[in-house]
Amino acid sequence: MTGPWEREYFQPGEGDAVLNFIVFGELTADVQVSASEYRTSGPPKGTEMELFTREEHGEWVDSWTEGYFGAMLADDPELEAKVKAAPTLAVLQGEVHDPSTLDYLRDAVGVVTALLDRG
């Protein structure tokens, strides 16, 4: 993995980083994320990742394909069909307290990329 992603102009107390990523696909709870391949240390501290299946949480999963996101999906019928057929939704969300580096973002993007590659 690379060194820290510095924030050259960081000032303590400027605020927390809020993360909210969703990934649709054929995902399972046992997804292994290679630290070296995806340049990540896993989900950042202060975040959590959960999986929701259409089978158990269908109405809630479907709600993510409505509104503004649903309108964007409608512009790409092929993607819309894949998203609406995906059996699983992964959510990575949370707050990272006053991060002095951008490592949390690198880690989150690494996890999301791994999920996209598998889903």
Foldseek 3Di string as FASTA:
>chain_A
DDDFAADVPADFPPWKDKDKDKDFAADDPPQDFDCVVLVAPAQDPFKDKDKDFCVHVVVVLVVCCDDPNVVVCVVPVVSVVRRNPGGMMMIITGIGGRDRTCNNVSNVRSVVVSVNVVD
